[in-house]
Amino acid sequence: MEKLNQKKTAIASGTASLVVYLGCFLVMTIMGKDAIVKLSNLLFHGMDFSNIIRMNIPIGETFLGAIISFVFWGIIGYFFAFIFNKLK
């Protein structure tokens, strides 16, 4: 079994999180609040999102969240590859 490249795994993890984050932003932009609440309630059964979903998120906050998501999941991906390689 081959070793994982830690940097490439980190970049792939960060990029995947960025796609999910921006996809979520796009879905929230296209759908209205009622549809987002209904979708969230379906995905996380037993929870009520009607009081906690905020639709007026500034674009700067969205970009900052995307950067933080990329960095966070990039670090997770890096450590995943590091641990995977050590366990071999």
PDB file of N, CA and C in Angstrom:
ATOM      1  N   MET A   1       0.848  -1.177   0.000  1.00  0.00           N
ATOM      2  CA  MET A   1       0.000   0.000   0.000  1.00  0.00           C
ATOM      3  C   MET A   1       0.897   1.244   0.000  1.00  0.00           C
ATOM      4  N   GLU A   2       0.523   2.196  -0.804  1.00  0.00           N
ATOM      5  CA  GLU A   2       1.318   3.415  -0.921  1.00  0.00           C
ATOM      6  C   GLU A   2       1.036   4.373   0.224  1.00  0.00           C
ATOM      7  N   LYS A   3       2.001   5.265   0.430  1.00  0.00           N
ATOM      8  CA  LYS A   3       1.808   6.317   1.426  1.00  0.00           C
ATOM      9  C   LYS A   3       1.015   7.455   0.797  1.00  0.00           C
ATOM     10  N   LEU A   4       0.315   8.184   1.647  1.00  0.00           N
ATOM     11  CA  LEU A   4      -0.419   9.366   1.191  1.00  0.00           C
ATOM     12  C   LEU A   4       0.496  10.572   1.236  1.00  0.00           C
ATOM     13  N   ASN A   5       0.394  11.403   0.227  1.00  0.00           N
ATOM     14  CA  ASN A   5       1.115  12.675   0.228  1.00  0.00           C
ATOM     15  C   ASN A   5       0.344  13.621   1.140  1.00  0.00           C
ATOM     16  N   GLN A   6       0.979  14.044   2.228  1.00  0.00           N
ATOM     17  CA  GLN A   6       0.280  14.846   3.239  1.00  0.00           C
ATOM     18  C   GLN A   6      -0.197  16.189   2.690  1.00  0.00           C
ATOM     19  N   LYS A   7       0.630  16.853   1.908  1.00  0.00           N
ATOM     20  CA  LYS A   7       0.231  18.164   1.369  1.00  0.00           C
ATOM     21  C   LYS A   7      -0.927  18.030   0.387  1.00  0.00           C
ATOM     22  N   LYS A   8      -0.852  17.014  -0.480  1.00  0.00           N
ATOM     23  CA  LYS A   8      -1.943  16.825  -1.450  1.00  0.00           C
ATOM     24  C   LYS A   8      -3.241  16.422  -0.759  1.00  0.00           C
ATOM     25  N   THR A   9      -3.142  15.606   0.281  1.00  0.00           N
ATOM     26  CA  THR A   9      -4.333  15.217   1.029  1.00  0.00           C
ATOM     27  C   THR A   9      -4.934  16.431   1.733  1.00  0.00           C
ATOM     28  N   ALA A  10      -4.075  17.288   2.278  1.00  0.00           N
ATOM     29  CA  ALA A  10      -4.552  18.511   2.932  1.00  0.00           C
ATOM     30  C   ALA A  10      -5.262  19.415   1.933  1.00  0.00           C
ATOM     31  N   ILE A  11      -4.675  19.597   0.760  1.00  0.00           N
ATOM     32  CA  ILE A  11      -5.288  20.456  -0.259  1.00  0.00           C
ATOM     33  C   ILE A  11      -6.603  19.851  -0.754  1.00  0.00           C
ATOM     34  N   ALA A  12      -6.628  18.532  -0.935  1.00  0.00           N
ATOM     35  CA  ALA A  12      -7.862  17.876  -1.379  1.00  0.00           C
ATOM     36  C   ALA A  12      -8.966  18.005  -0.336  1.00  0.00           C
ATOM     37  N   SER A  13      -8.627  17.833   0.929  1.00  0.00           N
ATOM     38  CA  SER A  13      -9.623  17.969   2.001  1.00  0.00           C
ATOM     39  C   SER A  13     -10.139  19.396   2.086  1.00  0.00           C
ATOM     40  N   GLY A  14      -9.236  20.348   2.031  1.00  0.00           N
ATOM     41  CA  GLY A  14      -9.626  21.756   2.072  1.00  0.00           C
ATOM     42  C   GLY A  14     -10.491  22.140   0.883  1.00  0.00           C
ATOM     43  N   THR A  15     -10.121  21.664  -0.292  1.00  0.00           N
ATOM     44  CA  THR A  15     -10.894  21.975  -1.493  1.00  0.00           C
ATOM     45  C   THR A  15     -12.278  21.348  -1.446  1.00  0.00           C
ATOM     46  N   ALA A  16     -12.363  20.111  -0.970  1.00  0.00           N
ATOM     47  CA  ALA A  16     -13.670  19.458  -0.839  1.00  0.00           C
ATOM     48  C   ALA A  16     -14.573  20.236   0.111  1.00  0.00           C
ATOM     49  N   SER A  17     -13.998  20.713   1.223  1.00  0.00           N
ATOM     50  CA  SER A  17     -14.809  21.488   2.173  1.00  0.00           C
ATOM     51  C   SER A  17     -15.251  22.812   1.554  1.00  0.00           C
ATOM     52  N   LEU A  18     -14.382  23.386   0.740  1.00  0.00           N
ATOM     53  CA  LEU A  18     -14.716  24.643   0.071  1.00  0.00           C
ATOM     54  C   LEU A  18     -15.873  24.447  -0.907  1.00  0.00           C
ATOM     55  N   VAL A  19     -15.862  23.344  -1.637  1.00  0.00           N
ATOM     56  CA  VAL A  19     -16.949  23.044  -2.571  1.00  0.00           C
ATOM     57  C   VAL A  19     -18.269  22.877  -1.822  1.00  0.00           C
ATOM     58  N   VAL A  20     -18.224  22.140  -0.709  1.00  0.00           N
ATOM     59  CA  VAL A  20     -19.436  21.936   0.094  1.00  0.00           C
ATOM     60  C   VAL A  20     -19.912  23.265   0.674  1.00  0.00           C
ATOM     61  N   TYR A  21     -18.995  24.060   1.214  1.00  0.00           N
ATOM     62  CA  TYR A  21     -19.344  25.345   1.832  1.00  0.00           C
ATOM     63  C   TYR A  21     -19.981  26.283   0.810  1.00  0.00           C
ATOM     64  N   LEU A  22     -19.346  26.431  -0.344  1.00  0.00           N
ATOM     65  CA  LEU A  22     -19.884  27.335  -1.361  1.00  0.00           C
ATOM     66  C   LEU A  22     -21.161  26.770  -1.996  1.00  0.00           C
ATOM     67  N   GLY A  23     -21.263  25.435  -2.069  1.00  0.00           N
ATOM     68  CA  GLY A  23     -22.498  24.815  -2.537  1.00  0.00           C
ATOM     69  C   GLY A  23     -23.651  25.118  -1.605  1.00  0.00           C
ATOM     70  N   CYS A  24     -23.381  25.059  -0.318  1.00  0.00           N
ATOM     71  CA  CYS A  24     -24.400  25.398   0.676  1.00  0.00           C
ATOM     72  C   CYS A  24     -24.810  26.868   0.536  1.00  0.00           C
ATOM     73  N   PHE A  25     -23.827  27.739   0.339  1.00  0.00           N
ATOM     74  CA  PHE A  25     -24.107  29.168   0.144  1.00  0.00           C
ATOM     75  C   PHE A  25     -24.990  29.369  -1.087  1.00  0.00           C
ATOM     76  N   LEU A  26     -24.680  28.654  -2.169  1.00  0.00           N
ATOM     77  CA  LEU A  26     -25.454  28.778  -3.398  1.00  0.00           C
ATOM     78  C   LEU A  26     -26.888  28.292  -3.203  1.00  0.00           C
ATOM     79  N   VAL A  27     -27.047  27.162  -2.528  1.00  0.00           N
ATOM     80  CA  VAL A  27     -28.388  26.628  -2.255  1.00  0.00           C
ATOM     81  C   VAL A  27     -29.179  27.619  -1.407  1.00  0.00           C
ATOM     82  N   MET A  28     -28.529  28.201  -0.394  1.00  0.00           N
ATOM     83  CA  MET A  28     -29.224  29.176   0.457  1.00  0.00           C
ATOM     84  C   MET A  28     -29.608  30.425  -0.328  1.00  0.00           C
ATOM     85  N   THR A  29     -28.771  30.795  -1.295  1.00  0.00           N
ATOM     86  CA  THR A  29     -29.060  31.974  -2.106  1.00  0.00           C
ATOM     87  C   THR A  29     -30.235  31.728  -3.040  1.00  0.00           C
ATOM     88  N   ILE A  30     -30.295  30.537  -3.602  1.00  0.00           N
ATOM     89  CA  ILE A  30     -31.337  30.217  -4.582  1.00  0.00           C
ATOM     90  C   ILE A  30     -32.684  29.950  -3.905  1.00  0.00           C
ATOM     91  N   MET A  31     -32.652  29.183  -2.822  1.00  0.00           N
ATOM     92  CA  MET A  31     -33.895  28.816  -2.134  1.00  0.00           C
ATOM     93  C   MET A  31     -34.261  29.885  -1.109  1.00  0.00           C
ATOM     94  N   GLY A  32     -35.490  29.976  -0.772  1.00  0.00           N
ATOM     95  CA  GLY A  32     -35.929  30.905   0.261  1.00  0.00           C
ATOM     96  C   GLY A  32     -35.756  30.315   1.652  1.00  0.00           C
ATOM     97  N   LYS A  33     -36.026  31.121   2.655  1.00  0.00           N
ATOM     98  CA  LYS A  33     -35.847  30.681   4.036  1.00  0.00           C
ATOM     99  C   LYS A  33     -36.733  29.490   4.377  1.00  0.00           C
ATOM    100  N   ASP A  34     -37.974  29.514   3.942  1.00  0.00           N
ATOM    101  CA  ASP A  34     -38.884  28.406   4.256  1.00  0.00           C
ATOM    102  C   ASP A  34     -38.365  27.081   3.698  1.00  0.00           C
ATOM    103  N   ALA A  35     -37.856  27.116   2.478  1.00  0.00           N
ATOM    104  CA  ALA A  35     -37.328  25.893   1.860  1.00  0.00           C
ATOM    105  C   ALA A  35     -36.058  25.428   2.566  1.00  0.00           C
ATOM    106  N   ILE A  36     -35.218  26.351   2.985  1.00  0.00           N
ATOM    107  CA  ILE A  36     -33.990  25.996   3.699  1.00  0.00           C
ATOM    108  C   ILE A  36     -34.326  25.382   5.054  1.00  0.00           C
ATOM    109  N   VAL A  37     -35.286  25.954   5.747  1.00  0.00           N
ATOM    110  CA  VAL A  37     -35.703  25.404   7.043  1.00  0.00           C
ATOM    111  C   VAL A  37     -36.244  23.991   6.848  1.00  0.00           C
ATOM    112  N   LYS A  38     -37.076  23.804   5.827  1.00  0.00           N
ATOM    113  CA  LYS A  38     -37.648  22.483   5.564  1.00  0.00           C
ATOM    114  C   LYS A  38     -36.546  21.471   5.216  1.00  0.00           C
ATOM    115  N   LEU A  39     -35.615  21.881   4.361  1.00  0.00           N
ATOM    116  CA  LEU A  39     -34.502  21.000   3.985  1.00  0.00           C
ATOM    117  C   LEU A  39     -33.635  20.649   5.192  1.00  0.00           C
ATOM    118  N   SER A  40     -33.317  21.624   6.007  1.00  0.00           N
ATOM    119  CA  SER A  40     -32.497  21.389   7.197  1.00  0.00           C
ATOM    120  C   SER A  40     -33.204  20.468   8.176  1.00  0.00           C
ATOM    121  N   ASN A  41     -34.493  20.666   8.356  1.00  0.00           N
ATOM    122  CA  ASN A  41     -35.262  19.799   9.251  1.00  0.00           C
ATOM    123  C   ASN A  41     -35.309  18.358   8.733  1.00  0.00           C
ATOM    124  N   LEU A  42     -35.335  18.194   7.406  1.00  0.00           N
ATOM    125  CA  LEU A  42     -35.318  16.849   6.836  1.00  0.00           C
ATOM    126  C   LEU A  42     -33.957  16.179   7.005  1.00  0.00           C
ATOM    127  N   LEU A  43     -32.879  16.941   6.812  1.00  0.00           N
ATOM    128  CA  LEU A  43     -31.530  16.384   6.935  1.00  0.00           C
ATOM    129  C   LEU A  43     -31.181  16.040   8.378  1.00  0.00           C
ATOM    130  N   PHE A  44     -31.600  16.864   9.303  1.00  0.00           N
ATOM    131  CA  PHE A  44     -31.300  16.663  10.719  1.00  0.00           C
ATOM    132  C   PHE A  44     -32.617  16.446  11.455  1.00  0.00           C
ATOM    133  N   HIS A  45     -33.182  15.261  11.271  1.00  0.00           N
ATOM    134  CA  HIS A  45     -34.500  14.967  11.839  1.00  0.00           C
ATOM    135  C   HIS A  45     -34.477  15.137  13.357  1.00  0.00           C
ATOM    136  N   GLY A  46     -35.561  15.650  13.848  1.00  0.00           N
ATOM    137  CA  GLY A  46     -35.679  15.874  15.282  1.00  0.00           C
ATOM    138  C   GLY A  46     -35.224  17.253  15.726  1.00  0.00           C
ATOM    139  N   MET A  47     -34.677  18.040  14.807  1.00  0.00           N
ATOM    140  CA  MET A  47     -34.242  19.394  15.153  1.00  0.00           C
ATOM    141  C   MET A  47     -35.100  20.409  14.405  1.00  0.00           C
ATOM    142  N   ASP A  48     -35.311  21.547  15.023  1.00  0.00           N
ATOM    143  CA  ASP A  48     -36.079  22.620  14.402  1.00  0.00           C
ATOM    144  C   ASP A  48     -35.142  23.787  14.125  1.00  0.00           C
ATOM    145  N   PHE A  49     -34.936  24.085  12.849  1.00  0.00           N
ATOM    146  CA  PHE A  49     -34.012  25.135  12.434  1.00  0.00           C
ATOM    147  C   PHE A  49     -34.696  26.477  12.179  1.00  0.00           C
ATOM    148  N   SER A  50     -35.994  26.551  12.403  1.00  0.00           N
ATOM    149  CA  SER A  50     -36.733  27.757  12.032  1.00  0.00           C
ATOM    150  C   SER A  50     -36.267  29.003  12.772  1.00  0.00           C
ATOM    151  N   ASN A  51     -35.737  28.848  13.973  1.00  0.00           N
ATOM    152  CA  ASN A  51     -35.309  30.025  14.741  1.00  0.00           C
ATOM    153  C   ASN A  51     -33.826  30.337  14.627  1.00  0.00           C
ATOM    154  N   ILE A  52     -33.051  29.451  14.017  1.00  0.00           N
ATOM    155  CA  ILE A  52     -31.598  29.677  14.015  1.00  0.00           C
ATOM    156  C   ILE A  52     -31.007  29.936  12.638  1.00  0.00           C
ATOM    157  N   ILE A  53     -31.767  29.750  11.566  1.00  0.00           N
ATOM    158  CA  ILE A  53     -31.227  29.997  10.231  1.00  0.00           C
ATOM    159  C   ILE A  53     -31.252  31.489   9.939  1.00  0.00           C
ATOM    160  N   ARG A  54     -30.115  31.979   9.521  1.00  0.00           N
ATOM    161  CA  ARG A  54     -29.953  33.400   9.202  1.00  0.00           C
ATOM    162  C   ARG A  54     -29.698  33.512   7.707  1.00  0.00           C
ATOM    163  N   MET A  55     -30.508  34.258   7.000  1.00  0.00           N
ATOM    164  CA  MET A  55     -30.411  34.346   5.546  1.00  0.00           C
ATOM    165  C   MET A  55     -29.610  35.551   5.058  1.00  0.00           C
ATOM    166  N   ASN A  56     -29.459  36.558   5.863  1.00  0.00           N
ATOM    167  CA  ASN A  56     -28.777  37.786   5.420  1.00  0.00           C
ATOM    168  C   ASN A  56     -27.308  37.762   5.864  1.00  0.00           C
ATOM    169  N   ILE A  57     -26.539  36.863   5.276  1.00  0.00           N
ATOM    170  CA  ILE A  57     -25.129  36.723   5.620  1.00  0.00           C
ATOM    171  C   ILE A  57     -24.314  37.587   4.650  1.00  0.00           C
ATOM    172  N   PRO A  58     -23.528  38.512   5.175  1.00  0.00           N
ATOM    173  CA  PRO A  58     -22.727  39.377   4.302  1.00  0.00           C
ATOM    174  C   PRO A  58     -21.702  38.565   3.505  1.00  0.00           C
ATOM    175  N   ILE A  59     -21.363  39.032   2.315  1.00  0.00           N
ATOM    176  CA  ILE A  59     -20.446  38.324   1.434  1.00  0.00           C
ATOM    177  C   ILE A  59     -19.055  38.198   2.061  1.00  0.00           C
ATOM    178  N   GLY A  60     -18.630  39.207   2.819  1.00  0.00           N
ATOM    179  CA  GLY A  60     -17.335  39.134   3.496  1.00  0.00           C
ATOM    180  C   GLY A  60     -17.301  38.021   4.527  1.00  0.00           C
ATOM    181  N   GLU A  61     -18.387  37.856   5.236  1.00  0.00           N
ATOM    182  CA  GLU A  61     -18.486  36.776   6.226  1.00  0.00           C
ATOM    183  C   GLU A  61     -18.488  35.409   5.532  1.00  0.00           C
ATOM    184  N   THR A  62     -19.088  35.346   4.364  1.00  0.00           N
ATOM    185  CA  THR A  62     -19.097  34.109   3.592  1.00  0.00           C
ATOM    186  C   THR A  62     -17.685  33.750   3.146  1.00  0.00           C
ATOM    187  N   PHE A  63     -16.936  34.723   2.633  1.00  0.00           N
ATOM    188  CA  PHE A  63     -15.557  34.453   2.211  1.00  0.00           C
ATOM    189  C   PHE A  63     -14.675  34.065   3.387  1.00  0.00           C
ATOM    190  N   LEU A  64     -14.845  34.736   4.514  1.00  0.00           N
ATOM    191  CA  LEU A  64     -14.069  34.393   5.704  1.00  0.00           C
ATOM    192  C   LEU A  64     -14.392  32.968   6.161  1.00  0.00           C
ATOM    193  N   GLY A  65     -15.662  32.614   6.163  1.00  0.00           N
ATOM    194  CA  GLY A  65     -16.063  31.259   6.527  1.00  0.00           C
ATOM    195  C   GLY A  65     -15.492  30.221   5.573  1.00  0.00           C
ATOM    196  N   ALA A  66     -15.449  30.546   4.281  1.00  0.00           N
ATOM    197  CA  ALA A  66     -14.888  29.625   3.291  1.00  0.00           C
ATOM    198  C   ALA A  66     -13.387  29.414   3.536  1.00  0.00           C
ATOM    199  N   ILE A  67     -12.684  30.485   3.839  1.00  0.00           N
ATOM    200  CA  ILE A  67     -11.238  30.388   4.118  1.00  0.00           C
ATOM    201  C   ILE A  67     -11.001  29.572   5.382  1.00  0.00           C
ATOM    202  N   ILE A  68     -11.768  29.847   6.415  1.00  0.00           N
ATOM    203  CA  ILE A  68     -11.618  29.103   7.674  1.00  0.00           C
ATOM    204  C   ILE A  68     -11.932  27.625   7.457  1.00  0.00           C
ATOM    205  N   SER A  69     -12.968  27.320   6.692  1.00  0.00           N
ATOM    206  CA  SER A  69     -13.319  25.935   6.392  1.00  0.00           C
ATOM    207  C   SER A  69     -12.187  25.237   5.647  1.00  0.00           C
ATOM    208  N   PHE A  70     -11.623  25.912   4.649  1.00  0.00           N
ATOM    209  CA  PHE A  70     -10.509  25.343   3.872  1.00  0.00           C
ATOM    210  C   PHE A  70      -9.318  25.038   4.779  1.00  0.00           C
ATOM    211  N   VAL A  71      -8.950  25.990   5.613  1.00  0.00           N
ATOM    212  CA  VAL A  71      -7.793  25.802   6.505  1.00  0.00           C
ATOM    213  C   VAL A  71      -8.073  24.689   7.517  1.00  0.00           C
ATOM    214  N   PHE A  72      -9.239  24.722   8.152  1.00  0.00           N
ATOM    215  CA  PHE A  72      -9.575  23.720   9.167  1.00  0.00           C
ATOM    216  C   PHE A  72      -9.535  22.313   8.591  1.00  0.00           C
ATOM    217  N   TRP A  73     -10.247  22.097   7.484  1.00  0.00           N
ATOM    218  CA  TRP A  73     -10.302  20.759   6.904  1.00  0.00           C
ATOM    219  C   TRP A  73      -9.003  20.381   6.216  1.00  0.00           C
ATOM    220  N   GLY A  74      -8.225  21.376   5.787  1.00  0.00           N
ATOM    221  CA  GLY A  74      -6.890  21.087   5.274  1.00  0.00           C
ATOM    222  C   GLY A  74      -5.992  20.532   6.365  1.00  0.00           C
ATOM    223  N   ILE A  75      -6.069  21.110   7.555  1.00  0.00           N
ATOM    224  CA  ILE A  75      -5.299  20.611   8.699  1.00  0.00           C
ATOM    225  C   ILE A  75      -5.751  19.193   9.059  1.00  0.00           C
ATOM    226  N   ILE A  76      -7.057  18.972   9.063  1.00  0.00           N
ATOM    227  CA  ILE A  76      -7.585  17.635   9.348  1.00  0.00           C
ATOM    228  C   ILE A  76      -7.062  16.633   8.308  1.00  0.00           C
ATOM    229  N   GLY A  77      -7.090  16.996   7.038  1.00  0.00           N
ATOM    230  CA  GLY A  77      -6.585  16.117   5.978  1.00  0.00           C
ATOM    231  C   GLY A  77      -5.104  15.838   6.117  1.00  0.00           C
ATOM    232  N   TYR A  78      -4.329  16.845   6.504  1.00  0.00           N
ATOM    233  CA  TYR A  78      -2.895  16.677   6.702  1.00  0.00           C
ATOM    234  C   TYR A  78      -2.632  15.665   7.813  1.00  0.00           C
ATOM    235  N   PHE A  79      -3.313  15.833   8.939  1.00  0.00           N
ATOM    236  CA  PHE A  79      -3.112  14.904  10.051  1.00  0.00           C
ATOM    237  C   PHE A  79      -3.649  13.509   9.739  1.00  0.00           C
ATOM    238  N   PHE A  80      -4.706  13.426   8.955  1.00  0.00           N
ATOM    239  CA  PHE A  80      -5.202  12.129   8.525  1.00  0.00           C
ATOM    240  C   PHE A  80      -4.115  11.381   7.753  1.00  0.00           C
ATOM    241  N   ALA A  81      -3.498  12.057   6.775  1.00  0.00           N
ATOM    242  CA  ALA A  81      -2.441  11.426   5.980  1.00  0.00           C
ATOM    243  C   ALA A  81      -1.225  11.106   6.848  1.00  0.00           C
ATOM    244  N   PHE A  82      -0.890  11.998   7.760  1.00  0.00           N
ATOM    245  CA  PHE A  82       0.244  11.769   8.659  1.00  0.00           C
ATOM    246  C   PHE A  82       0.033  10.504   9.488  1.00  0.00           C
ATOM    247  N   ILE A  83      -1.144  10.388  10.095  1.00  0.00           N
ATOM    248  CA  ILE A  83      -1.445   9.214  10.933  1.00  0.00           C
ATOM    249  C   ILE A  83      -1.529   7.946  10.068  1.00  0.00           C
ATOM    250  N   PHE A  84      -2.146   8.055   8.908  1.00  0.00           N
ATOM    251  CA  PHE A  84      -2.249   6.922   7.997  1.00  0.00           C
ATOM    252  C   PHE A  84      -0.867   6.396   7.636  1.00  0.00           C
ATOM    253  N   ASN A  85       0.047   7.305   7.317  1.00  0.00           N
ATOM    254  CA  ASN A  85       1.410   6.903   6.941  1.00  0.00           C
ATOM    255  C   ASN A  85       2.161   6.284   8.115  1.00  0.00           C
ATOM    256  N   LYS A  86       1.917   6.743   9.327  1.00  0.00           N
ATOM    257  CA  LYS A  86       2.593   6.208  10.509  1.00  0.00           C
ATOM    258  C   LYS A  86       2.091   4.813  10.873  1.00  0.00           C
ATOM    259  N   LEU A  87       0.834   4.523  10.536  1.00  0.00           N
ATOM    260  CA  LEU A  87       0.246   3.231  10.888  1.00  0.00           C
ATOM    261  C   LEU A  87       0.676   2.110   9.941  1.00  0.00           C
ATOM    262  N   LYS A  88       1.315   2.464   8.863  1.00  0.00           N
ATOM    263  CA  LYS A  88       1.724   1.455   7.880  1.00  0.00           C
ATOM    264  C   LYS A  88       2.861   0.628   8.376  1.00  0.00           C
TER     265      LYS A  88
END
